[in-house]
PDB file of N, CA and C in Angstrom:
ATOM      1  N   MET A   1     -25.859  18.130 -22.577  1.00  0.00           N
ATOM      2  CA  MET A   1     -27.202  17.566 -22.107  1.00  0.00           C
ATOM      3  C   MET A   1     -27.442  18.336 -21.114  1.00  0.00           C
ATOM      4  N   GLN A   2     -28.609  18.407 -20.627  1.00  0.00           N
ATOM      5  CA  GLN A   2     -29.414  18.436 -19.946  1.00  0.00           C
ATOM      6  C   GLN A   2     -29.435  18.645 -18.258  1.00  0.00           C
ATOM      7  N   ALA A   3     -29.547  19.607 -17.398  1.00  0.00           N
ATOM      8  CA  ALA A   3     -28.696  19.532 -15.971  1.00  0.00           C
ATOM      9  C   ALA A   3     -29.668  17.911 -15.644  1.00  0.00           C
ATOM     10  N   LEU A   4     -31.021  17.225 -15.890  1.00  0.00           N
ATOM     11  CA  LEU A   4     -31.960  16.730 -15.619  1.00  0.00           C
ATOM     12  C   LEU A   4     -31.373  15.823 -16.395  1.00  0.00           C
ATOM     13  N   ASP A   5     -30.274  15.051 -17.383  1.00  0.00           N
ATOM     14  CA  ASP A   5     -29.913  14.128 -17.675  1.00  0.00           C
ATOM     15  C   ASP A   5     -28.619  13.576 -17.465  1.00  0.00           C
ATOM     16  N   LEU A   6     -27.826  14.578 -16.625  1.00  0.00           N
ATOM     17  CA  LEU A   6     -26.687  14.052 -16.202  1.00  0.00           C
ATOM     18  C   LEU A   6     -27.042  13.544 -15.114  1.00  0.00           C
ATOM     19  N   ILE A   7     -28.103  14.148 -14.187  1.00  0.00           N
ATOM     20  CA  ILE A   7     -28.251  13.742 -12.914  1.00  0.00           C
ATOM     21  C   ILE A   7     -28.693  12.111 -13.078  1.00  0.00           C
ATOM     22  N   GLN A   8     -29.386  12.028 -13.601  1.00  0.00           N
ATOM     23  CA  GLN A   8     -29.717  10.221 -14.191  1.00  0.00           C
ATOM     24  C   GLN A   8     -28.802   9.658 -15.046  1.00  0.00           C
ATOM     25  N   ALA A   9     -27.687   9.996 -16.098  1.00  0.00           N
ATOM     26  CA  ALA A   9     -27.027   9.362 -15.251  1.00  0.00           C
ATOM     27  C   ALA A   9     -25.498   9.326 -14.319  1.00  0.00           C
ATOM     28  N   GLU A  10     -25.538  10.214 -13.740  1.00  0.00           N
ATOM     29  CA  GLU A  10     -24.576  10.183 -12.902  1.00  0.00           C
ATOM     30  C   GLU A  10     -25.206   9.489 -11.758  1.00  0.00           C
ATOM     31  N   ALA A  11     -26.777   9.334 -11.298  1.00  0.00           N
ATOM     32  CA  ALA A  11     -27.432   8.437 -10.392  1.00  0.00           C
ATOM     33  C   ALA A  11     -26.844   6.989 -10.701  1.00  0.00           C
ATOM     34  N   GLN A  12     -26.999   6.249 -11.963  1.00  0.00           N
ATOM     35  CA  GLN A  12     -26.818   5.443 -13.108  1.00  0.00           C
ATOM     36  C   GLN A  12     -25.453   4.844 -12.316  1.00  0.00           C
ATOM     37  N   ALA A  13     -24.080   5.876 -12.749  1.00  0.00           N
ATOM     38  CA  ALA A  13     -23.243   5.157 -12.640  1.00  0.00           C
ATOM     39  C   ALA A  13     -23.011   5.059 -11.209  1.00  0.00           C
ATOM     40  N   VAL A  14     -23.335   5.760 -10.302  1.00  0.00           N
ATOM     41  CA  VAL A  14     -23.161   5.518  -8.351  1.00  0.00           C
ATOM     42  C   VAL A  14     -24.178   3.751  -8.256  1.00  0.00           C
ATOM     43  N   SER A  15     -25.134   4.254  -8.567  1.00  0.00           N
ATOM     44  CA  SER A  15     -26.119   2.459  -8.289  1.00  0.00           C
ATOM     45  C   SER A  15     -24.866   1.548  -9.181  1.00  0.00           C
ATOM     46  N   ALA A  16     -24.481   1.980 -10.444  1.00  0.00           N
ATOM     47  CA  ALA A  16     -23.133   0.453 -10.907  1.00  0.00           C
ATOM     48  C   ALA A  16     -22.286   0.628 -10.015  1.00  0.00           C
ATOM     49  N   ALA A  17     -21.683   1.556  -9.732  1.00  0.00           N
ATOM     50  CA  ALA A  17     -20.720   1.155  -9.043  1.00  0.00           C
ATOM     51  C   ALA A  17     -20.521   0.764  -7.568  1.00  0.00           C
ATOM     52  N   GLN A  18     -21.619   1.143  -6.831  1.00  0.00           N
ATOM     53  CA  GLN A  18     -22.428   0.004  -5.842  1.00  0.00           C
ATOM     54  C   GLN A  18     -22.519  -0.906  -5.560  1.00  0.00           C
ATOM     55  N   ALA A  19     -23.270  -1.661  -7.086  1.00  0.00           N
ATOM     56  CA  ALA A  19     -23.139  -2.854  -7.215  1.00  0.00           C
ATOM     57  C   ALA A  19     -21.979  -3.374  -7.243  1.00  0.00           C
ATOM     58  N   ARG A  20     -20.783  -2.840  -7.444  1.00  0.00           N
ATOM     59  CA  ARG A  20     -19.652  -3.681  -7.974  1.00  0.00           C
ATOM     60  C   ARG A  20     -18.459  -3.453  -6.881  1.00  0.00           C
ATOM     61  N   LEU A  21     -18.729  -2.577  -5.754  1.00  0.00           N
ATOM     62  CA  LEU A  21     -18.183  -2.496  -4.395  1.00  0.00           C
ATOM     63  C   LEU A  21     -18.688  -3.902  -3.853  1.00  0.00           C
ATOM     64  N   THR A  22     -20.057  -3.563  -3.931  1.00  0.00           N
ATOM     65  CA  THR A  22     -20.674  -4.729  -2.797  1.00  0.00           C
ATOM     66  C   THR A  22     -20.630  -6.695  -3.221  1.00  0.00           C
ATOM     67  N   ALA A  23     -20.266  -6.341  -4.786  1.00  0.00           N
ATOM     68  CA  ALA A  23     -19.323  -7.893  -5.312  1.00  0.00           C
ATOM     69  C   ALA A  23     -17.877  -7.896  -4.750  1.00  0.00           C
ATOM     70  N   ALA A  24     -17.159  -6.879  -4.575  1.00  0.00           N
ATOM     71  CA  ALA A  24     -16.221  -6.968  -4.008  1.00  0.00           C
ATOM     72  C   ALA A  24     -15.842  -7.293  -3.208  1.00  0.00           C
ATOM     73  N   VAL A  25     -16.809  -6.520  -2.239  1.00  0.00           N
ATOM     74  CA  VAL A  25     -16.585  -7.053  -0.671  1.00  0.00           C
ATOM     75  C   VAL A  25     -17.284  -8.774  -0.318  1.00  0.00           C
ATOM     76  N   ARG A  26     -18.117  -9.004  -1.446  1.00  0.00           N
ATOM     77  CA  ARG A  26     -18.814 -10.116  -1.145  1.00  0.00           C
ATOM     78  C   ARG A  26     -17.910 -11.367  -1.389  1.00  0.00           C
ATOM     79  N   ALA A  27     -16.662 -11.303  -2.036  1.00  0.00           N
ATOM     80  CA  ALA A  27     -15.651 -11.719  -2.733  1.00  0.00           C
ATOM     81  C   ALA A  27     -14.455 -12.044  -1.717  1.00  0.00           C
ATOM     82  N   ALA A  28     -14.415 -10.797  -0.838  1.00  0.00           N
ATOM     83  CA  ALA A  28     -13.153 -10.638  -0.469  1.00  0.00           C
ATOM     84  C   ALA A  28     -13.674 -11.231   1.361  1.00  0.00           C
ATOM     85  N   ARG A  29     -14.611 -11.839   1.772  1.00  0.00           N
ATOM     86  CA  ARG A  29     -15.916 -12.140   2.336  1.00  0.00           C
ATOM     87  C   ARG A  29     -15.333 -13.662   2.043  1.00  0.00           C
ATOM     88  N   GLU A  30     -15.466 -13.970   1.346  1.00  0.00           N
ATOM     89  CA  GLU A  30     -15.220 -15.582   0.767  1.00  0.00           C
ATOM     90  C   GLU A  30     -13.927 -15.858   0.734  1.00  0.00           C
ATOM     91  N   ALA A  31     -12.848 -15.470  -0.018  1.00  0.00           N
ATOM     92  CA  ALA A  31     -11.588 -15.484   0.662  1.00  0.00           C
ATOM     93  C   ALA A  31     -11.138 -15.135   2.041  1.00  0.00           C
ATOM     94  N   GLY A  32     -11.871 -15.051   2.840  1.00  0.00           N
ATOM     95  CA  GLY A  32     -11.809 -15.053   4.222  1.00  0.00           C
ATOM     96  C   GLY A  32     -10.911 -13.574   4.988  1.00  0.00           C
ATOM     97  N   ASN A  33     -11.415 -12.757   4.090  1.00  0.00           N
ATOM     98  CA  ASN A  33     -10.751 -10.943   4.207  1.00  0.00           C
ATOM     99  C   ASN A  33     -11.682 -10.749   5.675  1.00  0.00           C
ATOM    100  N   SER A  34     -10.913 -10.538   7.209  1.00  0.00           N
ATOM    101  CA  SER A  34     -11.552  -9.732   8.146  1.00  0.00           C
ATOM    102  C   SER A  34     -12.637  -8.512   7.506  1.00  0.00           C
ATOM    103  N   TRP A  35     -13.534  -8.357   8.525  1.00  0.00           N
ATOM    104  CA  TRP A  35     -13.966  -6.885   8.127  1.00  0.00           C
ATOM    105  C   TRP A  35     -12.795  -5.963   8.602  1.00  0.00           C
ATOM    106  N   VAL A  36     -12.233  -5.577   9.536  1.00  0.00           N
ATOM    107  CA  VAL A  36     -11.234  -5.260   9.441  1.00  0.00           C
ATOM    108  C   VAL A  36     -10.423  -4.440   8.361  1.00  0.00           C
ATOM    109  N   ASP A  37     -10.090  -5.338   7.471  1.00  0.00           N
ATOM    110  CA  ASP A  37      -9.429  -5.445   6.702  1.00  0.00           C
ATOM    111  C   ASP A  37     -10.607  -4.755   4.875  1.00  0.00           C
ATOM    112  N   ILE A  38     -11.784  -5.543   5.034  1.00  0.00           N
ATOM    113  CA  ILE A  38     -12.316  -4.494   4.713  1.00  0.00           C
ATOM    114  C   ILE A  38     -12.709  -3.163   4.572  1.00  0.00           C
ATOM    115  N   GLY A  39     -13.137  -2.739   5.792  1.00  0.00           N
ATOM    116  CA  GLY A  39     -13.307  -1.640   6.059  1.00  0.00           C
ATOM    117  C   GLY A  39     -11.835  -0.712   5.789  1.00  0.00           C
ATOM    118  N   GLY A  40     -10.671  -0.865   6.049  1.00  0.00           N
ATOM    119  CA  GLY A  40      -9.566  -0.270   5.982  1.00  0.00           C
ATOM    120  C   GLY A  40      -9.779   0.000   4.328  1.00  0.00           C
ATOM    121  N   ALA A  41      -9.837  -0.885   3.357  1.00  0.00           N
ATOM    122  CA  ALA A  41      -9.984  -0.994   1.951  1.00  0.00           C
ATOM    123  C   ALA A  41     -10.954   0.236   1.413  1.00  0.00           C
ATOM    124  N   ALA A  42     -12.026  -0.020   1.959  1.00  0.00           N
ATOM    125  CA  ALA A  42     -12.789   0.756   1.675  1.00  0.00           C
ATOM    126  C   ALA A  42     -13.147   2.448   2.364  1.00  0.00           C
ATOM    127  N   GLY A  43     -11.956   2.698   3.224  1.00  0.00           N
ATOM    128  CA  GLY A  43     -11.794   3.927   3.652  1.00  0.00           C
ATOM    129  C   GLY A  43     -12.859   4.294   4.981  1.00  0.00           C
ATOM    130  N   ILE A  44     -13.678   2.968   5.672  1.00  0.00           N
ATOM    131  CA  ILE A  44     -14.338   2.893   6.919  1.00  0.00           C
ATOM    132  C   ILE A  44     -13.951   2.372   8.037  1.00  0.00           C
ATOM    133  N   SER A  45     -14.111   2.228   9.378  1.00  0.00           N
ATOM    134  CA  SER A  45     -14.551   1.159  10.066  1.00  0.00           C
ATOM    135  C   SER A  45     -14.808   0.035   9.928  1.00  0.00           C
ATOM    136  N   ARG A  46     -14.392  -1.114  10.358  1.00  0.00           N
ATOM    137  CA  ARG A  46     -14.671  -2.187  10.873  1.00  0.00           C
ATOM    138  C   ARG A  46     -16.193  -2.625  10.900  1.00  0.00           C
ATOM    139  N   GLN A  47     -16.883  -1.805  11.732  1.00  0.00           N
ATOM    140  CA  GLN A  47     -18.240  -1.635  12.363  1.00  0.00           C
ATOM    141  C   GLN A  47     -19.291  -0.871  10.908  1.00  0.00           C
ATOM    142  N   SER A  48     -18.612  -0.235  10.321  1.00  0.00           N
ATOM    143  CA  SER A  48     -19.378   0.227   9.284  1.00  0.00           C
ATOM    144  C   SER A  48     -19.390  -0.675   7.940  1.00  0.00           C
ATOM    145  N   ALA A  49     -18.365  -1.268   7.822  1.00  0.00           N
ATOM    146  CA  ALA A  49     -18.513  -2.289   6.716  1.00  0.00           C
ATOM    147  C   ALA A  49     -19.273  -3.547   7.694  1.00  0.00           C
ATOM    148  N   HIS A  50     -18.731  -4.253   8.444  1.00  0.00           N
ATOM    149  CA  HIS A  50     -19.733  -4.643   7.920  1.00  0.00           C
ATOM    150  C   HIS A  50     -21.208  -4.897   8.244  1.00  0.00           C
ATOM    151  N   GLU A  51     -21.408  -3.122   9.156  1.00  0.00           N
ATOM    152  CA  GLU A  51     -23.385  -3.231   9.319  1.00  0.00           C
ATOM    153  C   GLU A  51     -23.351  -2.841   7.419  1.00  0.00           C
ATOM    154  N   ARG A  52     -22.656  -2.143   6.810  1.00  0.00           N
ATOM    155  CA  ARG A  52     -23.133  -1.877   5.606  1.00  0.00           C
ATOM    156  C   ARG A  52     -23.162  -3.443   4.562  1.00  0.00           C
ATOM    157  N   TRP A  53     -22.633  -4.635   4.967  1.00  0.00           N
ATOM    158  CA  TRP A  53     -22.009  -5.313   4.091  1.00  0.00           C
ATOM    159  C   TRP A  53     -22.154  -6.686   4.689  1.00  0.00           C
ATOM    160  N   ALA A  54     -22.910  -6.737   5.717  1.00  0.00           N
ATOM    161  CA  ALA A  54     -22.990  -7.970   6.877  1.00  0.00           C
ATOM    162  C   ALA A  54     -24.016  -8.886   6.103  1.00  0.00           C
ATOM    163  N   ARG A  55     -25.594  -8.386   5.146  1.00  0.00           N
ATOM    164  CA  ARG A  55     -26.694  -8.903   5.375  1.00  0.00           C
ATOM    165  C   ARG A  55     -26.148 -10.456   4.143  1.00  0.00           C
TER     166      ARG A  55
END
């Protein structure tokens, strides 16, 4: 695999992982989890989690 093909494949993998993470956060919020809990699970602060996924 050429370097550019590898970059494209990894970029697609990152995009898919981000979509799964967003879906998991939505499910956690629907289940009543707090931004503190979600941020902790994601390894970021409550504020960062809220800013990233509250929309």
